[in-house]
């Protein structure tokens, strides 16, 4: 009559892992824009600008 009932232990939910994909895409986009701007600077310095 005195059966021991075990209550389920409370486990907090696991925190969501943050995705790095938006940061990677943003970083690549910034690098591409910087590379395009740098090619304009080189052309301007060398005097090959039309």
Protein backbone atom coordinates (compact mmCIF):
# COMPACT_ATOMS: atom_id res chain seq x y z
CA UNK A 1 0.00 0.00 0.00
CA UNK A 2 2.90 2.32 0.47
CA UNK A 3 4.09 2.12 -3.12
CA UNK A 4 6.72 4.70 -3.87
CA UNK A 5 5.79 6.71 -6.92
CA UNK A 6 8.67 8.51 -8.51
CA UNK A 7 7.80 11.88 -9.89
CA UNK A 8 9.46 12.73 -13.19
CA UNK A 9 12.39 15.03 -12.71
CA UNK A 10 12.14 18.46 -14.28
CA UNK A 11 14.62 19.02 -17.07
CA UNK A 12 14.92 22.54 -18.44
CA UNK A 13 14.52 22.81 -22.19
CA UNK A 14 17.75 22.94 -24.17
CA UNK A 15 18.64 26.43 -25.38
CA UNK A 16 18.25 26.98 -29.10
CA UNK A 17 21.49 26.98 -31.03
CA UNK A 18 22.09 30.21 -32.87
CA UNK A 19 22.66 29.88 -36.57
CA UNK A 20 25.84 31.39 -37.99
CA UNK A 21 24.53 31.35 -41.56
CA UNK A 22 23.33 35.01 -41.61
CA UNK A 23 26.71 36.17 -40.28
CA UNK A 24 28.60 34.12 -42.87
CA UNK A 25 26.46 35.46 -45.73
CA UNK A 26 26.89 39.03 -44.45
CA UNK A 27 30.66 38.60 -44.15
CA UNK A 28 30.97 37.24 -47.67
CA UNK A 29 28.85 40.09 -49.05
CA UNK A 30 31.04 42.68 -47.30
CA UNK A 31 34.20 41.04 -48.66
CA UNK A 32 32.80 41.07 -52.21
CA UNK A 33 31.86 44.75 -51.97
CA UNK A 34 35.28 45.63 -50.55
CA UNK A 35 37.04 43.70 -53.33
CA UNK A 36 35.03 45.53 -56.00
CA UNK A 37 35.79 48.91 -54.43
CA UNK A 38 39.50 48.02 -54.11
CA UNK A 39 39.73 47.25 -57.84
CA UNK A 40 38.37 50.77 -58.52
CA UNK A 41 41.06 52.25 -56.24
CA UNK A 42 43.83 50.36 -58.05
CA UNK A 43 42.57 51.53 -61.45
CA UNK A 44 42.42 55.13 -60.22
CA UNK A 45 45.97 55.00 -58.82
CA UNK A 46 47.44 53.42 -61.95
CA UNK A 47 45.68 55.91 -64.20
CA UNK A 48 43.87 53.34 -66.32
CA UNK A 49 40.51 54.86 -65.62
CA UNK A 50 38.45 55.67 -68.71
